[in-house]
């Protein structure tokens, strides 16, 4: 996102794709005694990630999730019975039979939340492994690690525990675009509310900063109007002057990407993130509806990715083409060694504030 009155201002916008819970697919079993051979199953049409997102939104049955296979360009839907398989295939998705339903995995996630909400942990449902993937950062040790292991063991093969060498934390700190109160973050998306210009950034940034500038110690260009963190991680700031607010993403290569909409993410979707510290980096969506237990509190409903980020990138945008997907929340690692980064979904923030991309 580029403000024409803000020198060297970089902000990003986010991109498309939505994962719904999955639905169904098709397995046709021929009667062993039937003389005519059954008709061949037609090949599935190749889908873009945006088309897969749209398809996923139409598959509403209570199955075990769905993900986009970027290499094969198809939406894969996890199913547990033949009826679901036929329904998914009829819609143009590929069905994959799995052991655990979404309801079973969600129940495991709720157990983790009630019994193992430990700072430095995160979890999310991974439709590709058909498990709840739990990550413990380097601060989780001793009795806390034992407690997490015990709860995970009680959930059997519905849960997989991983370790991170980094530390989960909100990425507030040095950045390129928006300053205030001795800290700085990254602008996410320019939006419109009641016909007036605003921008979205991270809630942990909005909690700390009430008056925003385009440079350290500069004149105010916007003020935080609403902010939520923890629980969610989004905030809304209202422009106070005539600062231009084009709906664009600065790609840090002399070009921009126009943003026309907000969209949900899809597991397997290829996405890009832009932030004021590390500029543009890409990666893949790994899980949706993830929970992260920061030292400051728990944030639910996040997008988990393998995109890198660093302090100052907070609030910056996750995008896919012309679609805004997420606001950078936090994670572990950096853009030298890699790591995991979590994003607040943009559609949820827009709905909370009654705003729209613009």
Protein backbone atom coordinates (compact mmCIF):
# COMPACT_ATOMS: atom_id res chain seq x y z
CA UNK A 1 0.00 0.00 0.00
CA UNK A 2 1.60 3.20 -0.99
CA UNK A 3 0.72 6.63 0.31
CA UNK A 4 1.72 9.22 -2.18
CA UNK A 5 2.35 11.74 0.59
CA UNK A 6 4.33 9.33 2.66
CA UNK A 7 7.95 8.96 1.55
CA UNK A 8 9.24 5.40 1.37
CA UNK A 9 5.99 4.15 2.79
CA UNK A 10 5.35 0.52 2.20
CA UNK A 11 2.24 -1.36 3.04
CA UNK A 12 0.80 -4.45 1.67
CA UNK A 13 -2.35 -6.03 0.91
CA UNK A 14 -3.63 -9.29 1.07
CA UNK A 15 -4.74 -11.98 -1.04
CA UNK A 16 -7.25 -14.48 -1.78
CA UNK A 17 -8.37 -17.89 -1.23
CA UNK A 18 -10.61 -19.38 1.38
CA UNK A 19 -10.68 -22.70 3.00
CA UNK A 20 -14.05 -23.86 4.01
CA UNK A 21 -14.66 -27.03 5.82
CA UNK A 22 -14.67 -29.64 3.20
CA UNK A 23 -17.32 -31.64 1.60
CA UNK A 24 -17.31 -34.62 -0.61
CA UNK A 25 -16.03 -36.55 -3.52
CA UNK A 26 -16.64 -39.60 -5.51
CA UNK A 27 -15.85 -43.21 -5.51
CA UNK A 28 -17.81 -45.28 -7.99
CA UNK A 29 -17.80 -48.99 -7.22
CA UNK A 30 -18.86 -51.22 -10.08
CA UNK A 31 -20.97 -54.26 -9.36
CA UNK A 32 -18.74 -57.29 -9.88
CA UNK A 33 -21.49 -58.99 -11.88
CA UNK A 34 -22.46 -56.02 -14.02
CA UNK A 35 -21.68 -56.59 -17.64
CA UNK A 36 -21.32 -53.03 -18.92
CA UNK A 37 -18.31 -51.19 -17.55
CA UNK A 38 -19.13 -48.04 -15.60
CA UNK A 39 -18.47 -44.77 -17.37
CA UNK A 40 -15.04 -43.34 -16.74
CA UNK A 41 -14.85 -40.61 -14.14
CA UNK A 42 -14.25 -37.33 -15.95
CA UNK A 43 -10.99 -35.59 -15.21
CA UNK A 44 -11.25 -32.70 -12.81
CA UNK A 45 -10.77 -29.24 -14.25
CA UNK A 46 -7.64 -27.42 -13.10
CA UNK A 47 -8.43 -24.64 -10.64
CA UNK A 48 -6.70 -21.44 -9.64
CA UNK A 49 -6.44 -20.82 -5.89
CA UNK A 50 -9.22 -18.25 -6.19
CA UNK A 51 -11.48 -20.74 -7.96
CA UNK A 52 -10.66 -23.36 -5.32
CA UNK A 53 -11.63 -20.84 -2.65
CA UNK A 54 -14.97 -20.27 -4.32
CA UNK A 55 -15.55 -24.00 -4.66
CA UNK A 56 -14.66 -24.63 -1.02
CA UNK A 57 -17.23 -22.05 0.05
CA UNK A 58 -19.94 -24.18 -1.60
CA UNK A 59 -18.93 -27.37 0.20
CA UNK A 60 -20.59 -27.00 3.57
CA UNK A 61 -20.94 -30.53 4.90
CA UNK A 62 -19.32 -31.47 8.19
CA UNK A 63 -16.25 -33.27 6.96
CA UNK A 64 -12.59 -32.97 7.77
CA UNK A 65 -11.51 -29.87 5.88
CA UNK A 66 -10.11 -29.12 2.46
CA UNK A 67 -6.88 -27.88 0.94
CA UNK A 68 -5.62 -26.58 -2.38
CA UNK A 69 -3.09 -28.74 -4.20
CA UNK A 70 -1.15 -26.01 -5.99
CA UNK A 71 0.89 -28.47 -8.07
CA UNK A 72 -2.12 -30.38 -9.40
CA UNK A 73 -4.32 -27.27 -9.30
CA UNK A 74 -7.24 -28.93 -7.58
CA UNK A 75 -9.23 -28.66 -4.37
CA UNK A 76 -8.88 -31.77 -2.22
CA UNK A 77 -11.76 -32.42 0.17
CA UNK A 78 -11.40 -34.76 3.14
CA UNK A 79 -14.40 -37.09 3.42
CA UNK A 80 -15.47 -39.91 5.71
CA UNK A 81 -18.23 -41.61 3.70
CA UNK A 82 -19.33 -42.33 0.16
CA UNK A 83 -22.15 -39.78 0.15
CA UNK A 84 -19.73 -36.98 0.96
CA UNK A 85 -17.34 -38.27 -1.68
CA UNK A 86 -19.99 -38.23 -4.40
CA UNK A 87 -21.11 -34.73 -3.43
CA UNK A 88 -17.57 -33.33 -3.52
CA UNK A 89 -16.78 -34.89 -6.87
CA UNK A 90 -20.05 -33.58 -8.29
CA UNK A 91 -18.91 -30.06 -7.40
CA UNK A 92 -15.53 -30.51 -9.09
CA UNK A 93 -13.33 -31.36 -6.09
CA UNK A 94 -11.22 -34.44 -5.44
CA UNK A 95 -12.29 -36.56 -2.49
CA UNK A 96 -9.82 -38.07 -0.03
CA UNK A 97 -10.95 -40.51 2.63
CA UNK A 98 -9.55 -39.74 6.09
CA UNK A 99 -9.87 -41.09 9.61
CA UNK A 100 -10.94 -38.05 11.61
CA UNK A 101 -13.94 -35.78 10.98
CA UNK A 102 -13.67 -32.04 11.44
CA UNK A 103 -15.86 -32.33 14.55
CA UNK A 104 -13.39 -34.78 16.11
CA UNK A 105 -10.42 -32.55 15.34
CA UNK A 106 -12.23 -29.47 16.59
CA UNK A 107 -13.04 -31.30 19.83
CA UNK A 108 -9.33 -32.05 20.25
CA UNK A 109 -8.55 -28.38 19.65
CA UNK A 110 -11.04 -27.37 22.33
CA UNK A 111 -9.43 -29.82 24.77
CA UNK A 112 -6.05 -28.23 24.11
CA UNK A 113 -7.55 -24.81 24.72
CA UNK A 114 -9.11 -25.81 28.05
CA UNK A 115 -6.20 -27.89 29.37
CA UNK A 116 -3.02 -26.67 27.67
CA UNK A 117 -3.25 -22.92 27.04
CA UNK A 118 0.41 -22.32 27.76
CA UNK A 119 2.29 -19.20 26.59
CA UNK A 120 4.60 -20.18 23.76
CA UNK A 121 2.26 -22.72 22.16
CA UNK A 122 0.01 -22.72 19.12
CA UNK A 123 -2.30 -25.15 17.38
CA UNK A 124 -4.41 -25.42 14.26
CA UNK A 125 -6.23 -28.05 12.24
CA UNK A 126 -4.11 -29.23 9.32
CA UNK A 127 -6.36 -30.86 6.69
CA UNK A 128 -3.36 -32.28 4.84
CA UNK A 129 -2.26 -34.43 7.79
CA UNK A 130 -5.82 -34.77 9.17
CA UNK A 131 -4.50 -33.78 12.59
CA UNK A 132 -4.33 -30.87 14.99
CA UNK A 133 -0.72 -29.71 14.76
CA UNK A 134 0.59 -28.31 18.05
CA UNK A 135 3.78 -26.24 18.15
CA UNK A 136 5.73 -25.43 21.31
CA UNK A 137 8.38 -22.72 21.13
CA UNK A 138 11.72 -22.70 22.94
CA UNK A 139 10.24 -21.11 26.08
CA UNK A 140 8.03 -24.13 26.81
CA UNK A 141 10.07 -26.29 29.18
CA UNK A 142 9.87 -28.45 32.28
CA UNK A 143 6.45 -28.85 33.87
CA UNK A 144 4.77 -26.85 31.10
CA UNK A 145 6.18 -29.11 28.41
CA UNK A 146 5.21 -32.19 30.43
CA UNK A 147 1.67 -30.87 30.77
CA UNK A 148 1.41 -30.23 27.04
CA UNK A 149 2.74 -33.69 26.24
CA UNK A 150 0.27 -35.32 28.62
CA UNK A 151 -2.73 -33.55 27.11
CA UNK A 152 -1.55 -34.31 23.58
CA UNK A 153 -1.04 -37.99 24.45
CA UNK A 154 -4.60 -38.21 25.77
CA UNK A 155 -5.88 -37.14 22.33
CA UNK A 156 -4.10 -39.95 20.53
CA UNK A 157 -3.38 -39.73 16.81
CA UNK A 158 -5.62 -36.69 16.36
CA UNK A 159 -2.72 -34.51 17.58
CA UNK A 160 0.89 -34.06 16.47
CA UNK A 161 3.36 -32.03 18.58
CA UNK A 162 6.24 -30.10 17.03
CA UNK A 163 8.93 -27.83 18.50
CA UNK A 164 10.03 -24.41 17.28
CA UNK A 165 13.53 -23.05 17.88
CA UNK A 166 12.12 -19.53 18.00
CA UNK A 167 9.77 -17.74 20.37
CA UNK A 168 6.17 -16.80 19.56
CA UNK A 169 5.70 -13.05 19.93
CA UNK A 170 3.88 -10.20 18.24
CA UNK A 171 6.11 -8.58 15.63
CA UNK A 172 5.97 -5.04 16.97
CA UNK A 173 9.19 -3.09 16.66
CA UNK A 174 11.17 -1.35 13.96
CA UNK A 175 9.44 -1.09 10.64
CA UNK A 176 9.06 1.12 7.61
CA UNK A 177 5.78 2.84 7.59
CA UNK A 178 3.80 3.97 10.60
CA UNK A 179 5.25 5.39 13.78
CA UNK A 180 4.01 6.39 17.19
CA UNK A 181 5.02 6.42 20.86
CA UNK A 182 8.53 5.15 20.20
CA UNK A 183 7.40 2.08 18.25
CA UNK A 184 6.47 1.37 14.68
CA UNK A 185 4.49 -1.17 12.69
CA UNK A 186 3.37 -1.71 9.10
CA UNK A 187 0.16 -0.50 7.54
CA UNK A 188 -1.98 -3.34 6.27
CA UNK A 189 -4.81 -2.18 4.05
CA UNK A 190 -6.48 1.08 3.23
CA UNK A 191 -10.21 0.75 3.79
CA UNK A 192 -13.35 2.87 3.73
CA UNK A 193 -15.91 3.17 6.50
CA UNK A 194 -19.00 5.37 6.22
CA UNK A 195 -17.43 6.98 3.16
CA UNK A 196 -14.29 8.05 5.08
CA UNK A 197 -10.71 6.77 4.71
CA UNK A 198 -9.16 4.47 7.32
CA UNK A 199 -6.48 1.80 7.46
CA UNK A 200 -6.18 -1.58 9.13
CA UNK A 201 -3.17 -2.76 11.08
CA UNK A 202 -2.50 -5.20 13.91
CA UNK A 203 -4.40 -4.90 17.17
CA UNK A 204 -1.28 -5.18 19.29
CA UNK A 205 0.02 -2.16 17.39
CA UNK A 206 -3.21 -0.20 17.89
CA UNK A 207 -3.16 -0.98 21.62
CA UNK A 208 0.24 0.66 21.92
CA UNK A 209 -0.09 3.54 19.46
CA UNK A 210 -2.94 6.05 19.36
CA UNK A 211 -1.47 8.66 17.00
CA UNK A 212 0.24 7.55 13.78
CA UNK A 213 2.89 9.32 11.69
CA UNK A 214 4.67 8.43 8.46
CA UNK A 215 8.06 9.08 10.08
CA UNK A 216 9.59 9.06 13.53
CA UNK A 217 8.59 12.23 15.32
CA UNK A 218 6.53 13.42 12.33
CA UNK A 219 3.10 15.02 12.21
CA UNK A 220 0.09 12.80 12.83
CA UNK A 221 -1.62 11.34 9.76
CA UNK A 222 -4.11 9.07 11.56
CA UNK A 223 -5.45 8.13 14.97
CA UNK A 224 -6.42 4.70 16.27
CA UNK A 225 -10.18 4.51 16.57
CA UNK A 226 -10.65 0.88 17.65
CA UNK A 227 -8.26 -1.91 18.61
CA UNK A 228 -8.56 -5.51 19.79
CA UNK A 229 -5.76 -7.67 21.22
CA UNK A 230 -5.57 -10.36 22.53
CA UNK A 231 -8.54 -12.48 21.47
CA UNK A 232 -8.24 -11.04 17.96
CA UNK A 233 -5.43 -8.95 16.49
CA UNK A 234 -6.78 -6.05 14.43
CA UNK A 235 -7.17 -2.30 14.77
CA UNK A 236 -8.70 0.53 12.76
CA UNK A 237 -7.10 3.96 12.35
CA UNK A 238 -8.82 7.00 10.83
CA UNK A 239 -6.91 9.38 8.57
CA UNK A 240 -6.84 12.90 9.96
CA UNK A 241 -5.73 14.80 6.87
CA UNK A 242 -5.66 14.64 3.09
CA UNK A 243 -3.29 11.69 2.82
CA UNK A 244 -4.02 9.78 -0.41
CA UNK A 245 -5.19 6.23 0.24
CA UNK A 246 -5.05 4.15 -2.95
CA UNK A 247 -6.06 0.50 -2.66
CA UNK A 248 -2.68 -0.82 -3.73
CA UNK A 249 0.19 -2.93 -2.47
CA UNK A 250 3.75 -1.74 -2.81
CA UNK A 251 5.78 -4.64 -4.20
CA UNK A 252 9.14 -3.02 -3.39
CA UNK A 253 10.31 -3.44 -6.97
CA UNK A 254 8.96 -0.20 -8.37
CA UNK A 255 5.53 -1.66 -9.02
CA UNK A 256 2.27 -2.00 -7.15
CA UNK A 257 -0.53 -4.55 -6.95
CA UNK A 258 -4.06 -3.19 -7.00
CA UNK A 259 -6.31 -4.65 -4.30
CA UNK A 260 -9.98 -5.02 -5.18
CA UNK A 261 -11.37 -7.39 -2.55
CA UNK A 262 -10.85 -9.30 0.66
CA UNK A 263 -10.89 -13.09 0.74
CA UNK A 264 -10.51 -16.02 3.09
CA UNK A 265 -7.38 -18.15 2.89
CA UNK A 266 -7.15 -21.76 1.75
CA UNK A 267 -4.70 -24.31 3.12
CA UNK A 268 -2.10 -24.93 0.42
CA UNK A 269 -2.54 -21.49 -1.15
CA UNK A 270 0.60 -19.63 -2.23
CA UNK A 271 0.65 -16.16 -0.70
CA UNK A 272 2.87 -13.12 -0.28
CA UNK A 273 3.50 -10.86 2.69
CA UNK A 274 4.80 -7.31 2.63
CA UNK A 275 6.06 -5.47 5.67
CA UNK A 276 8.15 -2.48 6.55
CA UNK A 277 11.15 -4.38 7.86
CA UNK A 278 11.63 -7.27 5.46
CA UNK A 279 9.59 -6.10 2.45
CA UNK A 280 8.03 -8.86 0.30
CA UNK A 281 8.30 -12.58 1.06
CA UNK A 282 6.21 -15.53 -0.06
CA UNK A 283 5.12 -18.90 1.28
CA UNK A 284 2.21 -21.25 1.82
CA UNK A 285 -0.87 -21.31 4.06
CA UNK A 286 -0.46 -24.24 6.47
CA UNK A 287 -3.55 -24.07 8.69
CA UNK A 288 -6.65 -22.01 9.41
CA UNK A 289 -8.43 -21.12 12.64
CA UNK A 290 -5.11 -21.43 14.47
CA UNK A 291 -4.67 -20.35 18.09
CA UNK A 292 -1.46 -18.72 19.35
CA UNK A 293 -0.72 -18.32 23.04
CA UNK A 294 1.44 -15.20 23.22
CA UNK A 295 2.83 -14.04 26.54
CA UNK A 296 0.21 -11.24 26.36
CA UNK A 297 -2.68 -13.67 25.86
CA UNK A 298 -4.31 -15.99 23.34
CA UNK A 299 -5.38 -15.00 19.83
CA UNK A 300 -7.76 -17.38 18.02
CA UNK A 301 -8.88 -17.75 14.42
CA UNK A 302 -5.51 -17.01 12.81
CA UNK A 303 -3.99 -18.08 9.48
CA UNK A 304 -0.80 -20.10 9.98
CA UNK A 305 1.88 -19.89 7.28
CA UNK A 306 5.53 -20.64 6.62
CA UNK A 307 6.09 -17.07 5.42
CA UNK A 308 8.89 -15.33 7.34
CA UNK A 309 8.51 -12.02 9.18
CA UNK A 310 10.42 -9.90 11.69
CA UNK A 311 9.76 -7.12 14.25
CA UNK A 312 8.25 -4.10 12.51
CA UNK A 313 6.36 -6.23 9.99
CA UNK A 314 3.37 -6.33 12.38
CA UNK A 315 0.17 -5.19 10.73
CA UNK A 316 1.59 -5.63 7.24
CA UNK A 317 -0.50 -7.43 4.69
CA UNK A 318 -0.83 -10.95 3.44
CA UNK A 319 -2.17 -11.08 -0.11
CA UNK A 320 -2.74 -13.23 -3.17
CA UNK A 321 -3.07 -11.26 -6.38
CA UNK A 322 -5.71 -8.58 -5.96
CA UNK A 323 -7.18 -10.09 -2.78
CA UNK A 324 -6.41 -8.99 0.78
CA UNK A 325 -6.12 -11.99 3.10
CA UNK A 326 -4.43 -11.16 6.41
CA UNK A 327 -2.71 -8.74 8.78
CA UNK A 328 0.65 -9.83 10.22
CA UNK A 329 0.19 -10.80 13.86
CA UNK A 330 3.32 -12.59 15.07
CA UNK A 331 5.26 -15.81 15.10
CA UNK A 332 8.78 -17.11 15.50
CA UNK A 333 11.97 -17.11 13.47
CA UNK A 334 13.16 -14.53 10.98
CA UNK A 335 13.81 -14.09 7.27
CA UNK A 336 17.32 -15.52 7.53
CA UNK A 337 16.52 -18.84 9.19
CA UNK A 338 12.79 -18.98 8.39
CA UNK A 339 9.97 -19.73 10.79
CA UNK A 340 6.20 -19.59 11.10
CA UNK A 341 4.04 -16.49 10.97
CA UNK A 342 0.39 -16.03 11.92
CA UNK A 343 -2.05 -13.59 10.33
CA UNK A 344 -5.34 -12.09 11.41
CA UNK A 345 -7.89 -12.73 8.62
CA UNK A 346 -8.92 -9.51 6.90
CA UNK A 347 -12.61 -10.42 6.29
CA UNK A 348 -13.13 -10.77 10.04
CA UNK A 349 -11.58 -7.34 10.71
CA UNK A 350 -13.70 -5.69 8.00
CA UNK A 351 -16.87 -7.24 9.41
CA UNK A 352 -16.01 -6.17 12.96
CA UNK A 353 -15.54 -2.54 11.88
CA UNK A 354 -18.17 -2.29 9.15
CA UNK A 355 -15.48 -1.35 6.65
CA UNK A 356 -14.57 -2.41 3.11
CA UNK A 357 -11.43 -2.51 1.00
CA UNK A 358 -10.95 0.78 -0.78
